[in-house]
C-alpha cells in the first residue's frame, strides 16, 4: 500500500509500505504530527492537558490542607510535614517516568519503536518495586520516619495517622506518575489528563466525606488520597492500551544495561529537582519547628501555594518536552529552538501576572487555609510576597532544565536541578536563619531562585548556541545531498 510521508523540509513524498496494522498507521501519523505541525500550536495542544495534570496533582495536596485546616493548626502542620513524603514519592515517579519517557520520545523520533516499548516496561516495573520498598520500610519505621520529616511532639500523632495511608499507596502512586509521563512523552497527554483529573475529582468529594462524615480526621484525608490515586493508576494503565500508544507488554522486559543507563541518565535531573524539593521541605519543617506550630503551618501553606503555581509552569514545560524530544531525535533543531523561545516568552508573561496577583492578595490567600490564626496569616503573607518577587525568573530556569534533560544533557540539567532546591537553598536557609530568625526562612527561597536564574543563563545559552551550530551543519549536509528525502521506515 502507499503511504504519504514528509521529509525534513516539509515536502510530501510517497513510499511503498507492506502489512501496516492500524496501530502502526496511528503511530506513523503521530510521528508526522510531532515533527511537522507548527511548534507553537503543537506545544499549546500538548500543554493544555499537562497543565491540567500538574494543577490536579497540586489540588490533591491543597485539598487536603484546606479541609484539614478546619480541624486545627496542629493538623494543618502535620499534613504540611507529611507533604515531604508525597514529594519524595513523586520524585521517584518522575525519576523513572521522565527517564523512560525522554528515551521513548527520542527513539520514536528516530523511528525505533522496539526500544521505546522495552523502556516503557522497564520504567513501569521498577517504579512499582521501588514503591513497595518505600512502603515496607516506612511502615516498619513509621514513628522515626515521621520525626525525620520534621514532626514535633505536638503534631506527631497526626503525622503518623496521615503517613500510614500515604505509605500504603506508595506503589501505585509512583506507578501512576510513571504511566502519566510515558503517555505524555508519546504526545498522548489527553489519556494522562483523563486519568489524573478523574482521581482528583474523586479526592475532592472523598476528603470531606472521610474527614467529617466518617469522623476519621487526618487519617480520612490520607485515605481519600490513597483511593483517588489508585483510581488514577488504573485509568492510566488502561490508557496505555489505547490506539497509537505504546502498550505495557511485560514480554518486552529486558536486563540490557543500556536501557537502565539511559533511564538513569534521563531521570536524574527529575530526581534531583523533585527529591531535593522534598529534602528542602523537610529542612524547612525542622528549622520552622524551633519557632512554633504556627510557623510550621505558615511555611507549609506557602510551600504548597508556591508548588501549586510552579506546577502550572512545569505543566507547560511538559507540553514542550515531547516536542523537544521528538524533534531532537529527528534532528529538527530549528523546531526545538523555536519551541523553546516560544515557551519562555509566553510563560514569563503568565508568571508575571500570577506574581502580581499573589503579592496583592497574599493575606486573603493565606486566610483561606487558616482564617482564625493571625500568626499563621502574618508569617505566611510575607513569605508568599517575597516568593512572588522572583517567581517570573523561574521561566528561564525551568525551560532550560527541561530542554537540557530532554536532549540528553543530563549533567548540566542535574546541576541546574540541584542548584534550585539544594546547592543554594539549603546553605542560604541555614546561614540566614540563625541571624534573622523567621525572616531568614522567608528570604531563603527567593534568594535561591535569583542565584539559580543567574546560573541558568550561561548553561542555557551555551546549549542553544551548540544546537544552532548543529542546525547549520545539517543544513549544509542536506544541500550537499541534493535535498533528497531521508530513509524512512514507519515500522521502526
Protein backbone atom coordinates (compact mmCIF):
# COMPACT_ATOMS: atom_id res chain seq x y z
CA UNK A 1 0.00 0.00 0.00
CA UNK A 2 1.07 3.63 -0.47
CA UNK A 3 1.76 5.92 2.47
CA UNK A 4 2.18 9.70 2.32
CA UNK A 5 5.12 10.92 4.40
CA UNK A 6 7.20 14.06 4.75
CA UNK A 7 10.90 14.77 4.56
CA UNK A 8 12.66 17.15 6.96
CA UNK A 9 11.90 20.11 4.66
CA UNK A 10 8.14 19.53 4.77
CA UNK A 11 7.92 18.07 1.22
CA UNK A 12 5.49 15.23 0.70
CA UNK A 13 6.62 12.01 -0.94
CA UNK A 14 5.22 8.51 -1.45
CA UNK A 15 6.73 5.28 -0.19
CA UNK A 16 5.72 1.65 -0.58
CA UNK A 17 4.86 0.02 2.74
CA UNK A 18 3.55 -3.51 3.31
CA UNK A 19 1.36 -5.04 6.02
CA UNK A 20 0.91 -1.99 8.21
CA UNK A 21 -1.52 -2.56 11.05
CA UNK A 22 -3.97 0.08 12.23
CA UNK A 23 -1.84 0.80 15.30
CA UNK A 24 1.29 1.16 13.14
CA UNK A 25 -0.51 3.72 10.99
CA UNK A 26 -1.62 5.66 14.02
CA UNK A 27 1.94 5.70 15.35
CA UNK A 28 3.23 6.92 12.00
CA UNK A 29 0.61 9.67 11.90
CA UNK A 30 1.70 10.71 15.39
CA UNK A 31 5.34 10.92 14.22
CA UNK A 32 4.34 13.20 11.34
CA UNK A 33 2.21 15.37 13.64
CA UNK A 34 5.02 15.76 16.18
CA UNK A 35 7.67 16.68 13.61
CA UNK A 36 5.66 18.77 11.13
CA UNK A 37 2.88 20.63 13.00
CA UNK A 38 3.83 24.28 13.79
CA UNK A 39 5.53 24.11 17.18
CA UNK A 40 3.52 26.91 18.78
CA UNK A 41 0.25 25.13 18.12
CA UNK A 42 1.71 21.74 18.98
CA UNK A 43 3.13 22.87 22.34
CA UNK A 44 -0.16 24.51 23.30
CA UNK A 45 -2.17 21.43 22.31
CA UNK A 46 0.08 19.21 24.43
CA UNK A 47 0.40 21.73 27.27
CA UNK A 48 -3.31 22.14 27.98
CA UNK A 49 -3.65 18.54 29.23
CA UNK A 50 -0.28 18.57 31.02
CA UNK A 51 -1.01 21.86 32.80
CA UNK A 52 -4.31 20.34 33.88
CA UNK A 53 -2.47 17.25 35.14
CA UNK A 54 0.06 19.24 37.15
CA UNK A 55 -2.60 21.50 38.65
CA UNK A 56 -4.63 18.42 39.53
CA UNK A 57 -1.57 16.96 41.27
CA UNK A 58 -1.29 20.16 43.28
CA UNK A 59 -5.02 20.11 44.03
CA UNK A 60 -4.58 16.71 45.70
CA UNK A 61 -2.35 18.39 48.27
CA UNK A 62 -4.14 21.74 48.52
CA UNK A 63 -7.49 19.99 49.03
CA UNK A 64 -6.12 18.03 51.99
CA UNK A 65 -4.65 21.21 53.50
CA UNK A 66 -7.92 23.09 53.05
CA UNK A 67 -10.19 20.53 54.71
CA UNK A 68 -7.70 19.55 57.41
CA UNK A 69 -7.37 23.26 58.23
CA UNK A 70 -10.89 23.04 59.69
CA UNK A 71 -9.59 20.60 62.32
CA UNK A 72 -6.88 22.89 63.72
CA UNK A 73 -3.39 24.34 63.37
CA UNK A 74 -1.72 21.14 64.63
CA UNK A 75 -3.47 19.04 61.97
CA UNK A 76 -2.51 21.56 59.28
CA UNK A 77 1.11 21.44 60.39
CA UNK A 78 1.05 17.61 60.39
CA UNK A 79 -0.22 17.46 56.80
CA UNK A 80 2.44 20.00 55.85
CA UNK A 81 5.15 17.82 57.37
CA UNK A 82 3.71 14.73 55.63
CA UNK A 83 3.80 16.57 52.32
CA UNK A 84 7.53 15.82 52.23
CA UNK A 85 6.66 12.15 51.71
CA UNK A 86 4.36 13.00 48.79
CA UNK A 87 7.20 14.96 47.20
CA UNK A 88 9.59 12.03 47.66
CA UNK A 89 7.08 9.61 46.11
CA UNK A 90 6.65 11.97 43.17
CA UNK A 91 10.43 12.27 42.91
CA UNK A 92 10.73 8.51 42.47
CA UNK A 93 7.90 8.51 39.95
CA UNK A 94 9.42 11.36 37.94
CA UNK A 95 12.85 9.71 38.06
CA UNK A 96 11.57 6.53 36.41
CA UNK A 97 8.83 8.24 34.38
CA UNK A 98 10.92 11.05 32.90
CA UNK A 99 13.89 8.76 32.37
CA UNK A 100 11.71 6.32 30.43
CA UNK A 101 9.60 8.99 28.72
CA UNK A 102 12.52 11.04 27.39
CA UNK A 103 14.11 7.91 25.91
CA UNK A 104 10.76 6.89 24.39
CA UNK A 105 10.22 10.27 22.70
CA UNK A 106 13.74 10.37 21.23
CA UNK A 107 13.54 6.78 19.99
CA UNK A 108 10.12 7.38 18.49
CA UNK A 109 11.50 10.46 16.76
CA UNK A 110 14.27 8.23 15.37
CA UNK A 111 11.60 5.61 14.43
CA UNK A 112 12.94 2.92 16.80
CA UNK A 113 9.70 1.70 18.40
CA UNK A 114 11.05 -1.62 19.70
CA UNK A 115 13.50 0.12 22.01
CA UNK A 116 10.79 2.57 23.10
CA UNK A 117 8.44 -0.29 24.02
CA UNK A 118 11.12 -2.04 26.08
CA UNK A 119 11.89 1.14 28.01
CA UNK A 120 8.21 1.66 28.84
CA UNK A 121 8.02 -1.76 30.54
CA UNK A 122 11.30 -1.27 32.43
CA UNK A 123 10.33 2.14 33.80
CA UNK A 124 6.91 0.91 34.90
CA UNK A 125 8.03 -2.28 36.67
CA UNK A 126 10.97 -0.73 38.51
CA UNK A 127 8.77 2.10 39.80
CA UNK A 128 6.32 -0.39 41.32
CA UNK A 129 9.18 -2.27 43.00
CA UNK A 130 10.61 0.99 44.38
CA UNK A 131 7.17 1.96 45.73
CA UNK A 132 6.79 -1.39 47.50
CA UNK A 133 10.22 -0.98 49.09
CA UNK A 134 9.40 2.54 50.33
CA UNK A 135 6.05 1.35 51.71
CA UNK A 136 7.62 -1.55 53.61
CA UNK A 137 10.43 0.46 55.20
CA UNK A 138 8.15 3.39 56.00
CA UNK A 139 5.54 1.28 57.78
CA UNK A 140 8.19 -0.61 59.79
CA UNK A 141 9.81 2.63 61.00
CA UNK A 142 6.70 4.84 60.96
CA UNK A 143 7.33 6.98 64.06
CA UNK A 144 11.07 7.56 63.45
CA UNK A 145 10.20 8.39 59.84
CA UNK A 146 7.63 10.97 60.99
CA UNK A 147 10.25 12.61 63.22
CA UNK A 148 12.73 12.58 60.36
CA UNK A 149 10.24 14.50 58.21
CA UNK A 150 10.05 17.21 60.88
CA UNK A 151 7.16 16.22 63.15
CA UNK A 152 7.32 17.71 66.66
CA UNK A 153 5.77 16.06 69.75
CA UNK A 154 2.64 18.21 69.35
CA UNK A 155 1.86 17.01 65.85
CA UNK A 156 3.44 13.51 65.90
CA UNK A 157 0.12 11.54 66.30
CA UNK A 158 -1.50 13.46 63.41
CA UNK A 159 1.59 12.96 61.24
CA UNK A 160 1.70 9.19 61.85
CA UNK A 161 -2.00 8.86 61.02
CA UNK A 162 -1.53 10.64 57.69
CA UNK A 163 1.71 8.85 56.78
CA UNK A 164 0.22 5.37 57.37
CA UNK A 165 -2.26 5.51 54.49
CA UNK A 166 0.08 7.51 52.26
CA UNK A 167 2.76 4.83 52.56
CA UNK A 168 0.28 2.07 51.71
CA UNK A 169 -0.46 3.87 48.45
CA UNK A 170 3.20 4.46 47.53
CA UNK A 171 3.46 1.63 44.91
CA UNK A 172 0.60 2.80 42.73
CA UNK A 173 1.35 6.48 43.36
CA UNK A 174 4.81 6.03 41.82
CA UNK A 175 3.31 3.82 39.10
CA UNK A 176 0.72 6.47 38.25
CA UNK A 177 3.39 9.16 37.85
CA UNK A 178 5.40 6.86 35.54
CA UNK A 179 2.38 5.98 33.38
CA UNK A 180 1.47 9.67 33.18
CA UNK A 181 4.96 10.52 31.89
CA UNK A 182 5.10 7.60 29.45
CA UNK A 183 1.80 8.69 27.90
CA UNK A 184 2.59 12.38 27.60
CA UNK A 185 6.06 11.83 26.13
CA UNK A 186 4.30 9.93 23.34
CA UNK A 187 2.18 13.00 22.67
CA UNK A 188 -0.87 11.34 24.30
CA UNK A 189 -1.39 13.86 27.07
CA UNK A 190 -5.19 13.60 26.83
CA UNK A 191 -5.09 9.98 28.08
CA UNK A 192 -2.97 11.00 31.07
CA UNK A 193 -5.21 14.00 31.76
CA UNK A 194 -8.31 11.80 31.97
CA UNK A 195 -6.61 9.50 34.47
CA UNK A 196 -5.31 12.28 36.71
CA UNK A 197 -8.40 14.50 36.58
CA UNK A 198 -10.72 11.61 37.46
CA UNK A 199 -8.69 10.83 40.57
CA UNK A 200 -8.56 14.46 41.65
CA UNK A 201 -12.30 15.00 41.31
CA UNK A 202 -12.88 11.85 43.36
CA UNK A 203 -10.47 13.16 46.03
CA UNK A 204 -12.37 16.43 46.36
CA UNK A 205 -15.56 14.51 47.21
CA UNK A 206 -13.92 11.87 49.40
CA UNK A 207 -11.96 14.32 51.59
CA UNK A 208 -14.92 15.87 53.44
CA UNK A 209 -16.74 12.51 53.48
CA UNK A 210 -13.92 10.68 55.26
CA UNK A 211 -12.65 13.59 57.39
CA UNK A 212 -16.02 14.78 58.74
CA UNK A 213 -18.68 12.30 57.57
CA UNK A 214 -16.86 9.22 58.91
CA UNK A 215 -15.06 11.18 61.63
CA UNK A 216 -11.61 9.94 60.53
CA UNK A 217 -9.87 13.32 60.79
CA UNK A 218 -6.36 13.47 59.32
CA UNK A 219 -6.45 9.73 58.51
CA UNK A 220 -9.51 10.35 56.35
CA UNK A 221 -7.63 12.88 54.23
CA UNK A 222 -4.84 10.39 53.58
CA UNK A 223 -7.28 7.54 52.83
CA UNK A 224 -9.15 9.74 50.34
CA UNK A 225 -5.89 10.50 48.53
CA UNK A 226 -4.91 6.81 48.54
CA UNK A 227 -8.20 5.70 46.91
CA UNK A 228 -8.10 8.56 44.38
CA UNK A 229 -4.55 7.76 43.34
CA UNK A 230 -5.43 4.09 42.86
CA UNK A 231 -8.29 5.05 40.53
CA UNK A 232 -5.90 7.28 38.55
CA UNK A 233 -3.37 4.44 38.33
CA UNK A 234 -5.98 2.05 36.86
CA UNK A 235 -7.21 4.59 34.31
CA UNK A 236 -3.66 5.48 33.22
CA UNK A 237 -2.78 1.81 32.79
CA UNK A 238 -5.86 1.38 30.63
CA UNK A 239 -4.82 4.47 28.63
CA UNK A 240 -1.58 2.76 27.64
CA UNK A 241 -3.69 0.23 25.72
CA UNK A 242 -5.24 2.99 23.61
CA UNK A 243 -4.68 3.03 19.87
CA UNK A 244 -1.48 4.73 18.80
CA UNK A 245 0.15 4.29 22.25
CA UNK A 246 2.96 2.02 23.37
CA UNK A 247 1.49 -0.80 25.44
CA UNK A 248 2.91 -2.07 28.72
CA UNK A 249 3.85 -5.50 27.37
CA UNK A 250 5.70 -7.44 30.08
CA UNK A 251 7.23 -9.79 27.49
CA UNK A 252 9.38 -6.86 26.31
CA UNK A 253 11.18 -6.56 29.67
CA UNK A 254 14.96 -6.60 29.26
CA UNK A 255 18.01 -6.74 31.52
CA UNK A 256 20.17 -4.97 28.93
CA UNK A 257 22.22 -2.44 30.90
CA UNK A 258 21.97 0.13 28.09
CA UNK A 259 18.30 0.76 28.90
CA UNK A 260 18.98 1.26 32.60
CA UNK A 261 21.85 3.61 31.88
CA UNK A 262 19.63 5.72 29.63
CA UNK A 263 16.81 5.66 32.18
CA UNK A 264 19.13 6.90 34.93
CA UNK A 265 20.69 9.50 32.64
CA UNK A 266 17.32 10.90 31.63
CA UNK A 267 15.71 10.66 35.07
CA UNK A 268 18.45 12.03 37.34
CA UNK A 269 17.59 15.72 36.77
CA UNK A 270 13.97 15.00 37.75
CA UNK A 271 15.10 13.04 40.80
CA UNK A 272 17.30 15.95 41.86
CA UNK A 273 14.61 18.52 41.10
CA UNK A 274 11.81 16.71 42.94
CA UNK A 275 13.94 14.90 45.51
CA UNK A 276 15.74 17.99 46.73
CA UNK A 277 12.41 19.78 46.86
CA UNK A 278 11.35 17.12 49.37
CA UNK A 279 14.62 17.41 51.28
CA UNK A 280 14.27 21.20 51.32
CA UNK A 281 10.74 20.84 52.69
CA UNK A 282 11.99 18.54 55.45
CA UNK A 283 14.72 21.03 56.36
CA UNK A 284 12.23 23.92 56.34
CA UNK A 285 9.96 21.93 58.69
CA UNK A 286 12.83 21.28 61.13
CA UNK A 287 14.01 24.90 61.08
CA UNK A 288 10.47 26.29 61.38
CA UNK A 289 9.73 23.89 64.25
CA UNK A 290 12.02 25.90 66.51
CA UNK A 291 9.63 28.86 66.20
CA UNK A 292 6.36 27.05 66.96
CA UNK A 293 3.47 25.22 65.30
CA UNK A 294 2.09 28.40 63.69
CA UNK A 295 5.33 28.97 61.77
CA UNK A 296 5.37 25.33 60.62
CA UNK A 297 1.78 25.71 59.40
CA UNK A 298 2.53 29.02 57.63
CA UNK A 299 5.62 27.59 55.90
CA UNK A 300 3.63 24.50 54.86
CA UNK A 301 0.79 26.58 53.41
CA UNK A 302 3.10 28.88 51.44
CA UNK A 303 5.13 25.93 50.22
CA UNK A 304 2.01 24.30 48.82
CA UNK A 305 0.76 27.52 47.24
CA UNK A 306 4.15 28.08 45.58
CA UNK A 307 4.26 24.50 44.34
CA UNK A 308 0.70 24.85 43.04
CA UNK A 309 1.77 27.87 40.97
CA UNK A 310 5.03 26.29 39.82
CA UNK A 311 3.16 23.15 38.76
CA UNK A 312 1.36 25.22 36.12
CA UNK A 313 4.77 26.28 34.78
CA UNK A 314 6.07 22.71 34.88
CA UNK A 315 2.90 21.54 33.12
CA UNK A 316 3.59 23.98 30.30
CA UNK A 317 7.15 22.68 30.21
CA UNK A 318 5.88 19.12 29.98
CA UNK A 319 3.95 20.14 26.88
CA UNK A 320 7.27 21.32 25.46
CA UNK A 321 9.25 18.17 26.33
CA UNK A 322 7.64 15.73 23.85
CA UNK A 323 8.04 18.31 21.07
CA UNK A 324 11.66 18.78 22.09
CA UNK A 325 12.36 15.03 22.32
CA UNK A 326 10.67 14.01 19.06
CA UNK A 327 12.29 16.78 17.03
CA UNK A 328 15.72 16.44 18.60
CA UNK A 329 15.58 12.72 17.78
CA UNK A 330 14.55 13.62 14.22
CA UNK A 331 17.39 16.22 14.06
CA UNK A 332 14.92 19.11 13.63
CA UNK A 333 16.96 21.50 15.76
CA UNK A 334 15.22 24.54 14.31
CA UNK A 335 11.91 23.33 15.73
CA UNK A 336 13.45 22.62 19.14
CA UNK A 337 14.83 26.16 19.43
CA UNK A 338 11.67 27.80 18.14
CA UNK A 339 9.55 25.86 20.64
CA UNK A 340 11.93 26.78 23.48
CA UNK A 341 11.78 30.54 22.87
CA UNK A 342 8.00 30.44 22.42
CA UNK A 343 7.62 28.75 25.81
CA UNK A 344 9.97 31.17 27.59
CA UNK A 345 8.25 34.28 26.23
CA UNK A 346 4.75 33.00 26.98
CA UNK A 347 5.49 31.77 30.49
CA UNK A 348 7.25 34.98 31.56
CA UNK A 349 4.08 36.97 30.85
CA UNK A 350 1.83 34.49 32.67
CA UNK A 351 4.13 34.20 35.69
CA UNK A 352 4.38 37.97 35.98
CA UNK A 353 0.59 38.24 36.16
CA UNK A 354 0.39 35.43 38.74
CA UNK A 355 3.14 37.05 40.82
CA UNK A 356 1.32 40.39 40.89
CA UNK A 357 -1.93 38.70 41.93
CA UNK A 358 -0.17 36.65 44.60
CA UNK A 359 1.60 39.72 46.02
CA UNK A 360 -1.54 41.84 46.19
CA UNK A 361 -3.89 39.19 47.60
CA UNK A 362 -1.39 37.30 49.80
CA UNK A 363 -3.30 37.84 53.12
CA UNK A 364 -6.57 36.64 51.61
CA UNK A 365 -4.90 33.58 50.05
CA UNK A 366 -3.29 32.51 53.35
CA UNK A 367 -6.53 33.17 55.25
CA UNK A 368 -8.36 30.61 53.10
CA UNK A 369 -6.40 27.90 54.90
CA UNK A 370 -6.18 29.29 58.49
CA UNK A 371 -8.57 32.23 58.84
CA UNK A 372 -8.71 32.08 62.66
CA UNK A 373 -4.94 32.16 63.30
CA UNK A 374 -3.46 35.68 62.93
CA UNK A 375 0.14 34.48 63.39
CA UNK A 376 -0.14 32.00 60.52
CA UNK A 377 -1.60 34.73 58.29
CA UNK A 378 1.11 37.25 59.24
CA UNK A 379 4.06 34.88 58.68
CA UNK A 380 2.51 33.36 55.55
CA UNK A 381 1.69 36.71 53.92
CA UNK A 382 5.28 37.99 53.99
CA UNK A 383 6.64 34.61 52.86
CA UNK A 384 4.29 34.49 49.88
CA UNK A 385 5.01 38.08 48.84
CA UNK A 386 8.77 37.52 48.90
CA UNK A 387 8.42 34.43 46.71
CA UNK A 388 6.22 36.30 44.24
CA UNK A 389 9.02 38.82 43.59
CA UNK A 390 11.30 36.22 41.98
CA UNK A 391 8.63 33.91 40.57
CA UNK A 392 8.87 35.13 36.91
CA UNK A 393 12.59 34.21 36.87
CA UNK A 394 11.61 30.56 37.11
CA UNK A 395 10.50 30.55 33.47
CA UNK A 396 14.10 30.61 32.26
CA UNK A 397 15.23 28.12 34.90
CA UNK A 398 12.51 25.51 34.30
CA UNK A 399 12.57 25.54 30.50
CA UNK A 400 16.35 25.34 30.37
CA UNK A 401 16.28 22.48 32.85
CA UNK A 402 13.69 20.59 30.79
CA UNK A 403 15.40 21.23 27.46
CA UNK A 404 18.79 20.09 28.79
CA UNK A 405 17.22 16.97 30.29
CA UNK A 406 15.23 16.05 27.18
CA UNK A 407 18.09 16.38 24.67
CA UNK A 408 20.38 14.23 26.81
CA UNK A 409 22.47 16.92 28.56
CA UNK A 410 21.97 15.12 31.84
CA UNK A 411 24.98 16.61 33.67
CA UNK A 412 24.02 20.24 33.00
CA UNK A 413 20.35 19.51 33.75
CA UNK A 414 21.26 17.78 37.02
CA UNK A 415 23.46 20.69 38.14
CA UNK A 416 20.64 23.14 37.48
CA UNK A 417 18.10 20.94 39.27
CA UNK A 418 20.42 20.51 42.26
CA UNK A 419 21.12 24.23 42.43
CA UNK A 420 17.48 25.28 42.69
CA UNK A 421 16.47 23.34 45.80
CA UNK A 422 19.76 22.01 47.16
CA UNK A 423 23.07 23.68 46.35
CA UNK A 424 21.74 27.18 47.01
CA UNK A 425 18.56 26.93 49.08
CA UNK A 426 19.86 24.82 51.97
CA UNK A 427 23.09 26.79 52.63
CA UNK A 428 21.14 30.05 52.41
CA UNK A 429 18.49 28.71 54.81
CA UNK A 430 20.99 27.54 57.42
CA UNK A 431 23.08 30.72 57.09
CA UNK A 432 20.31 33.30 57.37
CA UNK A 433 18.02 31.70 59.97
CA UNK A 434 20.43 31.87 62.97
CA UNK A 435 20.87 35.62 62.33
CA UNK A 436 17.42 36.66 61.09
CA UNK A 437 15.09 34.08 62.65
CA UNK A 438 11.78 33.56 60.83
CA UNK A 439 12.68 36.31 58.35
CA UNK A 440 15.69 34.20 57.31
CA UNK A 441 13.36 31.31 56.50
CA UNK A 442 11.17 33.64 54.46
CA UNK A 443 14.11 35.06 52.49
CA UNK A 444 15.83 31.77 51.65
CA UNK A 445 13.68 30.67 48.70
CA UNK A 446 13.61 33.98 46.75
CA UNK A 447 17.39 34.41 47.13
CA UNK A 448 17.91 30.81 45.96
CA UNK A 449 15.65 31.47 42.95
CA UNK A 450 17.70 34.52 41.96
CA UNK A 451 21.08 32.78 42.17
CA UNK A 452 19.72 29.77 40.25
CA UNK A 453 18.49 32.08 37.50
CA UNK A 454 21.99 33.56 37.14
CA UNK A 455 23.45 30.05 36.85
CA UNK A 456 20.89 29.05 34.22
CA UNK A 457 21.84 31.90 31.85
CA UNK A 458 25.22 30.53 30.65
CA UNK A 459 24.02 26.90 30.73
CA UNK A 460 21.04 27.63 28.52
CA UNK A 461 22.75 29.98 26.07
CA UNK A 462 25.64 27.55 25.62
CA UNK A 463 23.36 24.69 24.56
CA UNK A 464 21.29 26.92 22.28
CA UNK A 465 24.48 28.06 20.55
CA UNK A 466 25.57 24.43 20.15
CA UNK A 467 22.20 23.50 18.64
CA UNK A 468 22.35 26.42 16.23
CA UNK A 469 25.73 25.11 15.01
CA UNK A 470 24.31 21.60 14.55
CA UNK A 471 21.39 23.08 12.61
CA UNK A 472 23.76 24.96 10.28
CA UNK A 473 25.90 21.86 9.77
CA UNK A 474 22.85 19.75 8.99
CA UNK A 475 21.54 22.32 6.50
CA UNK A 476 24.88 22.24 4.68
CA UNK A 477 24.74 18.44 4.56
CA UNK A 478 21.21 18.45 3.17
CA UNK A 479 22.27 20.78 0.35
CA UNK A 480 25.25 18.57 -0.44
CA UNK A 481 22.88 15.57 -0.75
CA UNK A 482 20.77 17.44 -3.28
CA UNK A 483 17.82 17.74 -0.93
CA UNK A 484 16.86 14.04 -1.21
CA UNK A 485 14.45 12.80 1.48
CA UNK A 486 16.00 10.67 4.23
CA UNK A 487 15.47 6.95 4.58
CA UNK A 488 12.17 6.48 6.33
CA UNK A 489 10.69 3.39 7.97
CA UNK A 490 7.36 3.86 9.77
CA UNK A 491 7.69 0.46 11.39
CA UNK A 492 10.90 1.44 13.20
